[in-house]
Amino acid sequence: MITIIYNSALGIWSGTIYLFMRHVGYTYAQINMFLMAFWIVTFIAELPSGWLSDYFGHINIFLLSCVIRSLGLLILFLTANNVFNLIMVAILTGIGDSLFQGPSMLGL
């Protein structure tokens, strides 16, 4: 059930992120830079996320994933049109997304 809710929220987020970011004043180039950084960080952090999940426990990494991603999205909602914060948000949400993948592959 948690995975269904998480994936539903991720689907809504990915479908509306362009609209939200345009609404708060980011250019299309900045939005694409955000998404590029997000996907690069997600790609790089995938393998360590499985190891961390095995080492520290699936529940702990799942909770850490939720906290990191929430922190990134909170920064995105509270700051507008700041490119440094935008890259930081991409890194945090990318790490949060990758950390979620370790426990979710095992059926958590």
Protein backbone atom coordinates (compact mmCIF):
# COMPACT_ATOMS: atom_id res chain seq x y z
CA MET A 1 0.00 0.00 0.00
CA ILE A 2 2.86 2.38 0.83
CA THR A 3 4.48 1.69 -2.53
CA ILE A 4 1.18 2.38 -4.33
CA ILE A 5 0.75 5.70 -2.52
CA TYR A 6 4.39 6.67 -3.12
CA ASN A 7 4.23 5.81 -6.83
CA SER A 8 0.91 7.65 -7.21
CA ALA A 9 2.41 10.75 -5.60
CA LEU A 10 5.47 10.44 -7.84
CA GLY A 11 3.23 10.22 -10.91
CA ILE A 12 1.34 13.33 -9.89
CA TRP A 13 4.62 15.12 -9.11
CA SER A 14 6.22 14.26 -12.44
CA GLY A 15 3.08 15.29 -14.30
CA THR A 16 2.76 18.68 -12.64
CA ILE A 17 6.35 19.73 -11.89
CA TYR A 18 6.70 21.70 -15.14
CA LEU A 19 3.48 23.59 -14.43
CA PHE A 20 4.43 24.37 -10.83
CA MET A 21 7.96 25.48 -11.70
CA ARG A 22 6.74 27.70 -14.56
CA HIS A 23 4.17 29.18 -12.20
CA VAL A 24 6.80 30.20 -9.63
CA GLY A 25 9.03 31.77 -12.30
CA TYR A 26 11.58 29.21 -13.50
CA THR A 27 12.50 29.20 -17.18
CA TYR A 28 12.28 26.06 -19.29
CA ALA A 29 16.10 25.89 -19.31
CA GLN A 30 16.17 25.94 -15.49
CA ILE A 31 13.44 23.30 -15.28
CA ASN A 32 15.33 21.03 -17.67
CA MET A 33 18.55 21.61 -15.72
CA PHE A 34 16.68 20.55 -12.56
CA LEU A 35 15.37 17.38 -14.22
CA MET A 36 18.78 16.57 -15.70
CA ALA A 37 20.45 16.90 -12.29
CA PHE A 38 17.66 14.86 -10.68
CA TRP A 39 18.03 11.95 -13.12
CA ILE A 40 21.85 11.97 -13.00
CA VAL A 41 21.83 11.84 -9.18
CA THR A 42 19.17 9.13 -9.24
CA PHE A 43 21.26 7.09 -11.68
CA ILE A 44 24.46 7.42 -9.64
CA ALA A 45 22.82 6.72 -6.28
CA GLU A 46 20.93 3.57 -7.33
CA LEU A 47 23.61 0.99 -6.47
CA PRO A 48 24.56 2.40 -3.07
CA SER A 49 20.88 2.54 -2.13
CA GLY A 50 20.57 -1.25 -2.27
CA TRP A 51 23.70 -1.71 -0.19
CA LEU A 52 22.53 0.88 2.37
CA SER A 53 19.16 -0.81 2.54
CA ASP A 54 20.79 -4.16 3.27
CA TYR A 55 23.21 -2.70 5.81
CA PHE A 56 20.97 -0.31 7.78
CA GLY A 57 17.62 -2.01 7.27
CA HIS A 58 14.89 -1.54 4.72
CA ILE A 59 12.54 0.39 6.99
CA ASN A 60 15.27 2.81 8.10
CA ILE A 61 16.32 3.57 4.52
CA PHE A 62 12.70 3.92 3.46
CA LEU A 63 12.11 6.49 6.23
CA LEU A 64 15.35 8.28 5.35
CA SER A 65 14.20 8.38 1.73
CA CYS A 66 10.92 10.01 2.72
CA VAL A 67 12.66 12.59 4.92
CA ILE A 68 15.27 13.53 2.29
CA ARG A 69 12.75 13.81 -0.52
CA SER A 70 10.34 15.80 1.67
CA LEU A 71 13.13 18.19 2.65
CA GLY A 72 14.00 18.71 -1.01
CA LEU A 73 10.40 19.36 -2.01
CA LEU A 74 9.91 21.70 0.96
CA ILE A 75 12.90 23.75 -0.18
CA LEU A 76 11.44 23.83 -3.70
CA PHE A 77 8.10 25.11 -2.44
CA LEU A 78 9.63 27.72 -0.12
CA THR A 79 12.19 29.20 -2.51
CA ALA A 80 11.43 30.49 -5.95
CA ASN A 81 13.68 31.36 -8.86
CA ASN A 82 16.96 30.51 -7.13
CA VAL A 83 19.16 28.31 -9.30
CA PHE A 84 21.44 27.19 -6.44
CA ASN A 85 18.45 25.98 -4.43
CA LEU A 86 17.06 24.35 -7.55
CA ILE A 87 20.17 22.20 -7.97
CA MET A 88 20.16 21.37 -4.24
CA VAL A 89 16.51 20.29 -4.54
CA ALA A 90 17.37 18.12 -7.56
CA ILE A 91 20.16 16.43 -5.58
CA LEU A 92 18.00 15.86 -2.49
CA THR A 93 15.00 14.54 -4.40
CA GLY A 94 17.26 12.36 -6.56
CA ILE A 95 18.90 10.83 -3.49
CA GLY A 96 15.49 10.38 -1.86
CA ASP A 97 14.16 8.66 -4.95
CA SER A 98 17.18 6.34 -5.16
CA LEU A 99 17.02 5.45 -1.49
CA PHE A 100 13.39 4.47 -1.96
CA GLN A 101 14.33 2.02 -4.72
CA GLY A 102 16.41 -0.25 -2.45
CA PRO A 103 13.60 -1.19 -0.04
CA SER A 104 10.86 -1.08 -2.69
CA MET A 105 12.57 -3.72 -4.84
CA LEU A 106 12.22 -6.13 -1.94
CA GLY A 107 8.50 -5.58 -1.58
CA LEU A 108 8.43 -3.09 1.29
